Amino acid sequence: MLSRTADHLFWMSRYMERAENTARMLNVSYETSLLPQSAAAVEAGWEGILSISELLPSYLSQYKTISPRDVMAFMVKNDNNPSSILSCLRAARENARAVRGTLTTEVWETQNQTWLEVNRMLKSGEFERDPGQFFEWVKFRSHLSRGVTVGTMLMDESLYFMRMGTFLERADNTARLVDVKFHAMQNDFFGAPNFGAAQRQGGPSAEIAEAVQEYDFYHWSAILRSVSGFEVYRKVYRDVIRPERVAELLILRPDMPRSLHASLNEVVANLKLVSHDAGSDTLRQAGRLRSELAFGRIDEILATGLHAYLTQFLERVNVLGVRISREFLMPQTV
């Protein structure tokens, strides 16, 4: 396969996955912002969305304050934001158009129709009238794109590069989500003045403890719902939602579709299928990262520091993406 063709297929899938991930995060933040909470907590939640995507400086260069309306507009339909849902769907469609002859008719029509429909919805104001419904539509179109791809494409290198792009993007996004949300959770209550004062006086009051427990439930539920993991958590653990188990589910569980472990399993499997050298450095690096997830323990990760672990993971995933680009694809700047 020509490297140019592989490059377009790889990035078509990455951009579609990125659009879905952005819709997931925005939908959960939108629903969470409707719960009773302080204005500072609401602002911190929306700032976290920008931090996950490393877009805070870009946002602040265009908007004066962090507000739900402005953040959603920036992340959904801002042409100057290359990671907005509109920009991602445009990039996915343009990459698909460049390799139209490689795709089945069903795959191309799905990508093209998604692009046409999102423009119609944004122009008609459907997003502003019901943001939740719009985010569900984006998720559905991404699911449809993956399903049509698997169901109609020949199982050859074209499909393998598309799958590789999807799961490399998913691993990156899940790691960012877990890192930012866990950090926010540590600061929201345990960094609050009333909680610190209560600890100095011999422990938090029953009212504060109850508030923390209630906040915990909604916070961790929101994180799980953002990756379609709430029902999975209940089925796997059959217990109250606990932070260490949420981390284990999203990092180490190979049977959780959006976990880091499951994503790397797919990346390695498809990398093997396109690699002609079983001892290639790219495949070796991917296999090592996958092995560490396969044999890792959540207590060890938490003991050494979750933030440090995820920061290192993101760096290694980024390096892996660069290696894949150099070995198989046209060099491209994200």
Protein backbone atom coordinates (compact mmCIF):
# COMPACT_ATOMS: atom_id res chain seq x y z
CA MET A 1 0.00 0.00 0.00
CA LEU A 2 1.19 3.54 -0.76
CA SER A 3 2.22 5.42 2.38
CA ARG A 4 0.07 8.37 1.29
CA THR A 5 -3.03 6.17 1.18
CA ALA A 6 -2.22 4.59 4.54
CA ASP A 7 -1.73 8.07 6.00
CA HIS A 8 -5.17 9.28 4.89
CA LEU A 9 -6.90 6.16 6.22
CA PHE A 10 -5.06 6.36 9.54
CA TRP A 11 -5.95 10.01 10.12
CA MET A 12 -9.51 9.67 8.84
CA SER A 13 -10.16 7.23 11.68
CA ARG A 14 -8.25 9.27 14.25
CA TYR A 15 -10.26 12.40 13.51
CA MET A 16 -13.58 10.55 13.67
CA GLU A 17 -12.59 9.04 17.03
CA ARG A 18 -11.45 12.44 18.27
CA ALA A 19 -14.82 13.98 17.37
CA GLU A 20 -16.60 11.25 19.35
CA ASN A 21 -14.31 11.64 22.36
CA THR A 22 -14.87 15.41 22.37
CA ALA A 23 -18.64 14.89 22.22
CA ARG A 24 -18.46 12.43 25.13
CA MET A 25 -16.53 14.84 27.35
CA LEU A 26 -18.72 17.82 26.50
CA ASN A 27 -21.94 15.86 27.05
CA VAL A 28 -20.91 14.72 30.53
CA SER A 29 -19.67 18.19 31.50
CA TYR A 30 -22.90 19.72 30.22
CA GLU A 31 -25.03 17.32 32.26
CA THR A 32 -22.83 17.70 35.35
CA SER A 33 -23.01 21.50 35.16
CA LEU A 34 -26.78 21.27 35.67
CA LEU A 35 -26.28 19.78 39.15
CA PRO A 36 -26.32 22.09 42.21
CA GLN A 37 -22.75 23.36 42.69
CA SER A 38 -20.78 26.56 43.10
CA ALA A 39 -19.88 28.80 40.19
CA ALA A 40 -16.20 28.09 40.85
CA ALA A 41 -16.79 24.34 40.55
CA VAL A 42 -18.66 24.82 37.26
CA GLU A 43 -15.83 26.94 35.85
CA ALA A 44 -13.23 24.41 37.00
CA GLY A 45 -15.13 21.63 35.25
CA TRP A 46 -15.17 23.45 31.92
CA GLU A 47 -11.54 24.48 32.33
CA GLY A 48 -10.74 20.78 32.76
CA ILE A 49 -12.24 20.05 29.33
CA LEU A 50 -9.86 22.56 27.77
CA SER A 51 -6.93 21.15 29.74
CA ILE A 52 -7.63 17.60 28.58
CA SER A 53 -7.20 18.70 24.97
CA GLU A 54 -4.36 21.14 25.75
CA LEU A 55 -6.46 23.97 24.33
CA LEU A 56 -6.66 26.37 27.30
CA PRO A 57 -4.15 28.93 25.90
CA SER A 58 -5.87 28.87 22.51
CA TYR A 59 -9.28 29.35 24.13
CA LEU A 60 -8.14 32.26 26.32
CA SER A 61 -6.69 34.00 23.28
CA GLN A 62 -10.22 34.18 21.82
CA TYR A 63 -12.48 34.43 24.89
CA LYS A 64 -12.18 36.56 28.01
CA THR A 65 -13.79 34.20 30.52
CA ILE A 66 -14.51 30.49 30.86
CA SER A 67 -18.25 29.94 30.47
CA PRO A 68 -20.24 26.84 29.44
CA ARG A 69 -21.62 28.55 26.33
CA ASP A 70 -18.24 29.76 25.10
CA VAL A 71 -16.40 26.51 25.83
CA MET A 72 -19.02 24.44 24.01
CA ALA A 73 -18.98 26.83 21.04
CA PHE A 74 -15.18 26.66 20.95
CA MET A 75 -15.11 22.85 21.20
CA VAL A 76 -18.01 22.23 18.80
CA LYS A 77 -18.02 24.72 15.93
CA ASN A 78 -14.99 27.01 16.12
CA ASP A 79 -13.09 26.89 12.81
CA ASN A 80 -9.95 28.19 14.51
CA ASN A 81 -9.86 25.19 16.84
CA PRO A 82 -8.38 22.19 14.96
CA SER A 83 -9.78 19.85 17.62
CA SER A 84 -13.37 21.11 17.51
CA ILE A 85 -16.01 18.60 16.47
CA LEU A 86 -16.62 20.54 13.24
CA SER A 87 -12.89 20.63 12.40
CA CYS A 88 -12.46 16.91 13.17
CA LEU A 89 -15.42 15.88 11.00
CA ARG A 90 -14.15 18.09 8.19
CA ALA A 91 -10.67 16.55 8.42
CA ALA A 92 -12.13 13.03 8.51
CA ARG A 93 -14.20 13.72 5.40
CA GLU A 94 -11.28 15.31 3.52
CA ASN A 95 -9.02 12.36 4.29
CA ALA A 96 -11.77 10.00 3.12
CA ARG A 97 -12.24 12.00 -0.10
CA ALA A 98 -8.52 11.75 -0.83
CA VAL A 99 -8.71 7.94 -0.85
CA ARG A 100 -12.25 7.58 -2.18
CA GLY A 101 -11.24 4.68 -4.42
CA THR A 102 -9.89 2.67 -1.49
CA LEU A 103 -13.08 2.92 0.56
CA THR A 104 -16.32 1.05 -0.02
CA THR A 105 -19.30 3.11 -1.14
CA GLU A 106 -20.92 2.66 2.29
CA VAL A 107 -17.89 4.00 4.17
CA TRP A 108 -17.54 7.04 1.91
CA GLU A 109 -21.25 7.87 2.03
CA THR A 110 -21.23 7.61 5.83
CA GLN A 111 -18.33 10.08 6.11
CA ASN A 112 -19.76 12.46 3.52
CA GLN A 113 -23.29 12.40 4.96
CA THR A 114 -21.93 13.08 8.45
CA TRP A 115 -20.14 16.18 7.20
CA LEU A 116 -23.18 17.48 5.31
CA GLU A 117 -25.50 16.80 8.23
CA VAL A 118 -23.32 18.46 10.89
CA ASN A 119 -23.21 21.64 8.81
CA ARG A 120 -26.99 21.63 8.46
CA MET A 121 -27.47 21.07 12.20
CA LEU A 122 -25.10 23.85 13.22
CA LYS A 123 -26.57 26.34 10.75
CA SER A 124 -30.14 25.58 11.85
CA GLY A 125 -29.29 26.07 15.53
CA GLU A 126 -30.06 22.49 16.58
CA PHE A 127 -26.91 22.38 18.71
CA GLU A 128 -27.93 25.41 20.77
CA ARG A 129 -31.50 24.15 21.22
CA ASP A 130 -30.45 20.75 22.55
CA PRO A 131 -26.70 20.21 23.11
CA GLY A 132 -27.26 16.76 24.63
CA GLN A 133 -29.08 15.51 21.55
CA PHE A 134 -26.34 16.89 19.30
CA PHE A 135 -23.61 15.10 21.26
CA GLU A 136 -25.54 11.85 21.06
CA TRP A 137 -25.78 12.32 17.30
CA VAL A 138 -21.99 12.73 17.01
CA LYS A 139 -21.45 9.54 19.02
CA PHE A 140 -23.95 7.68 16.86
CA ARG A 141 -22.27 8.79 13.62
CA SER A 142 -18.89 7.63 14.96
CA HIS A 143 -20.36 4.26 15.95
CA LEU A 144 -21.96 4.01 12.51
CA SER A 145 -18.67 4.82 10.80
CA ARG A 146 -16.80 2.08 12.69
CA GLY A 147 -19.57 -0.45 12.12
CA VAL A 148 -19.81 0.23 8.39
CA THR A 149 -16.01 0.06 8.12
CA VAL A 150 -15.75 -3.32 9.82
CA GLY A 151 -18.83 -4.64 8.04
CA THR A 152 -17.95 -3.66 4.46
CA MET A 153 -14.17 -3.16 4.10
CA LEU A 154 -11.93 -5.94 2.90
CA MET A 155 -9.80 -7.27 5.75
CA ASP A 156 -6.52 -6.00 4.37
CA GLU A 157 -4.01 -3.26 5.17
CA SER A 158 -6.57 -0.50 4.58
CA LEU A 159 -8.73 -1.76 7.42
CA TYR A 160 -5.72 -2.40 9.66
CA PHE A 161 -4.45 1.19 9.36
CA MET A 162 -7.94 2.55 10.05
CA ARG A 163 -8.26 0.41 13.18
CA MET A 164 -4.79 1.39 14.33
CA GLY A 165 -5.65 5.08 14.06
CA THR A 166 -8.91 4.63 15.98
CA PHE A 167 -7.38 2.86 18.96
CA LEU A 168 -4.24 4.97 19.18
CA GLU A 169 -6.47 8.04 19.42
CA ARG A 170 -8.70 6.31 21.98
CA ALA A 171 -5.75 5.39 24.20
CA ASP A 172 -4.52 8.99 24.14
CA ASN A 173 -7.93 10.42 25.00
CA THR A 174 -8.72 7.99 27.82
CA ALA A 175 -5.35 8.68 29.46
CA ARG A 176 -5.96 12.44 29.31
CA LEU A 177 -9.47 12.08 30.71
CA VAL A 178 -8.38 9.95 33.68
CA ASP A 179 -5.41 12.21 34.45
CA VAL A 180 -7.35 15.48 34.43
CA LYS A 181 -10.44 14.17 36.22
CA PHE A 182 -8.50 12.46 39.02
CA HIS A 183 -6.42 15.59 39.55
CA ALA A 184 -9.58 17.73 39.71
CA MET A 185 -11.14 15.35 42.20
CA GLN A 186 -8.14 15.61 44.53
CA ASN A 187 -8.41 19.40 44.58
CA ASP A 188 -12.17 19.95 44.64
CA PHE A 189 -12.88 18.69 48.16
CA PHE A 190 -9.62 17.80 49.79
CA GLY A 191 -8.11 21.15 48.87
CA ALA A 192 -11.15 23.08 50.09
CA PRO A 193 -10.70 25.29 53.19
CA ASN A 194 -13.63 23.81 55.12
CA PHE A 195 -12.38 20.29 54.59
CA GLY A 196 -8.83 21.18 55.63
CA ALA A 197 -10.06 22.97 58.76
CA ALA A 198 -12.23 20.01 59.69
CA GLN A 199 -9.24 17.68 59.35
CA ARG A 200 -7.14 19.84 61.67
CA GLN A 201 -9.90 19.65 64.27
CA GLY A 202 -9.85 15.88 64.35
CA GLY A 203 -11.63 14.90 61.16
CA PRO A 204 -14.41 16.14 58.88
CA SER A 205 -17.92 16.52 60.23
CA ALA A 206 -20.67 14.09 59.35
CA GLU A 207 -22.20 16.72 57.03
CA ILE A 208 -18.95 17.23 55.13
CA ALA A 209 -18.30 13.49 54.95
CA GLU A 210 -21.79 12.96 53.54
CA ALA A 211 -21.27 15.76 51.02
CA VAL A 212 -17.96 14.25 49.93
CA GLN A 213 -19.60 10.83 49.51
CA GLU A 214 -22.43 12.30 47.44
CA TYR A 215 -19.99 14.32 45.34
CA ASP A 216 -17.84 11.23 44.85
CA PHE A 217 -20.78 9.31 43.41
CA TYR A 218 -21.74 11.98 40.87
CA HIS A 219 -18.12 12.72 39.95
CA TRP A 220 -17.04 9.14 39.34
CA SER A 221 -20.36 8.33 37.67
CA ALA A 222 -19.75 11.19 35.25
CA ILE A 223 -16.26 9.91 34.41
CA LEU A 224 -17.60 6.40 33.81
CA ARG A 225 -20.49 7.63 31.69
CA SER A 226 -18.11 9.66 29.53
CA VAL A 227 -16.52 6.38 28.38
CA SER A 228 -19.74 4.30 28.47
CA GLY A 229 -18.35 2.54 31.51
CA PHE A 230 -21.00 3.02 34.20
CA GLU A 231 -22.93 -0.18 33.48
CA VAL A 232 -19.68 -2.04 32.83
CA TYR A 233 -18.39 -0.99 36.26
CA ARG A 234 -21.53 -2.26 37.96
CA LYS A 235 -21.29 -5.57 36.13
CA VAL A 236 -17.58 -6.09 36.87
CA TYR A 237 -17.30 -4.89 40.48
CA ARG A 238 -20.87 -5.07 41.82
CA ASP A 239 -19.97 -2.52 44.48
CA VAL A 240 -20.06 1.19 45.24
CA ILE A 241 -17.98 3.34 42.93
CA ARG A 242 -14.43 3.61 44.28
CA PRO A 243 -11.67 5.75 42.70
CA GLU A 244 -9.05 2.99 42.59
CA ARG A 245 -11.47 0.66 40.81
CA VAL A 246 -12.43 3.35 38.32
CA ALA A 247 -8.72 3.79 37.58
CA GLU A 248 -8.23 0.04 37.25
CA LEU A 249 -11.21 -0.29 34.89
CA LEU A 250 -10.06 2.53 32.61
CA ILE A 251 -6.37 1.64 32.63
CA LEU A 252 -5.77 -2.07 33.14
CA ARG A 253 -8.93 -4.03 32.29
CA PRO A 254 -8.53 -5.69 28.85
CA ASP A 255 -12.28 -6.34 28.62
CA MET A 256 -13.25 -2.66 28.98
CA PRO A 257 -13.55 -1.41 25.35
CA ARG A 258 -12.19 2.08 26.00
CA SER A 259 -9.46 1.20 28.52
CA LEU A 260 -5.77 1.81 27.85
CA HIS A 261 -5.10 -1.94 27.89
CA ALA A 262 -7.86 -2.78 25.39
CA SER A 263 -6.78 0.07 23.10
CA LEU A 264 -3.14 -1.03 23.09
CA ASN A 265 -4.21 -4.62 22.40
CA GLU A 266 -5.85 -3.41 19.20
CA VAL A 267 -2.93 -1.18 18.23
CA VAL A 268 -0.43 -4.03 18.63
CA ALA A 269 -2.65 -6.56 16.82
CA ASN A 270 -3.09 -4.30 13.79
CA LEU A 271 0.54 -3.19 13.85
CA LYS A 272 1.59 -6.83 13.57
CA LEU A 273 -0.65 -7.25 10.53
CA VAL A 274 0.95 -4.37 8.60
CA SER A 275 4.54 -4.87 9.78
CA HIS A 276 6.78 -6.97 7.55
CA ASP A 277 9.49 -7.10 10.22
CA ALA A 278 8.54 -8.96 13.39
CA GLY A 279 11.52 -7.38 15.14
CA SER A 280 10.84 -3.78 14.13
CA ASP A 281 11.50 -1.15 16.76
CA THR A 282 7.98 0.29 16.38
CA LEU A 283 6.35 -3.07 17.07
CA ARG A 284 8.73 -3.73 19.95
CA GLN A 285 7.90 -0.40 21.62
CA ALA A 286 4.16 -0.99 21.20
CA GLY A 287 4.47 -4.52 22.60
CA ARG A 288 6.43 -3.31 25.61
CA LEU A 289 3.81 -0.68 26.43
CA ARG A 290 1.03 -3.24 26.06
CA SER A 291 2.89 -5.75 28.28
CA GLU A 292 3.23 -3.21 31.09
CA LEU A 293 -0.53 -2.73 31.02
CA ALA A 294 -1.15 -6.48 30.87
CA PHE A 295 0.97 -7.20 33.94
CA GLY A 296 0.49 -3.95 35.85
CA ARG A 297 -1.27 -3.60 39.20
CA ILE A 298 -3.38 -0.60 40.12
CA ASP A 299 -2.04 -0.43 43.69
CA GLU A 300 1.51 -0.12 42.35
CA ILE A 301 0.46 2.59 39.89
CA LEU A 302 -1.32 4.59 42.61
CA ALA A 303 1.61 4.15 45.01
CA THR A 304 4.08 5.62 42.53
CA GLY A 305 1.68 8.39 41.43
CA LEU A 306 -1.17 8.24 38.93
CA HIS A 307 -0.36 11.60 37.34
CA ALA A 308 3.29 10.65 36.74
CA TYR A 309 2.24 7.29 35.30
CA LEU A 310 -0.30 8.79 32.88
CA THR A 311 2.03 11.61 31.85
CA GLN A 312 4.67 9.05 30.92
CA PHE A 313 2.04 6.93 29.14
CA LEU A 314 0.94 9.90 27.02
CA GLU A 315 4.54 10.66 26.10
CA ARG A 316 5.11 7.07 25.03
CA VAL A 317 1.87 6.94 23.02
CA ASN A 318 2.92 10.13 21.26
CA VAL A 319 6.34 8.64 20.48
CA LEU A 320 4.62 5.49 19.21
CA GLY A 321 2.47 7.58 16.89
CA VAL A 322 5.58 9.32 15.54
CA ARG A 323 7.28 5.94 14.98
CA ILE A 324 4.24 4.60 13.11
CA SER A 325 4.20 7.74 10.97
CA ARG A 326 7.90 7.45 10.13
CA GLU A 327 7.76 3.74 9.33
CA PHE A 328 4.46 3.50 7.47
CA LEU A 329 2.93 6.90 6.80
CA MET A 330 3.62 10.30 5.33
CA PRO A 331 5.09 12.60 8.05
CA GLN A 332 2.25 14.79 9.33
CA THR A 333 2.04 17.48 11.99
CA VAL A 334 -0.96 17.17 14.31
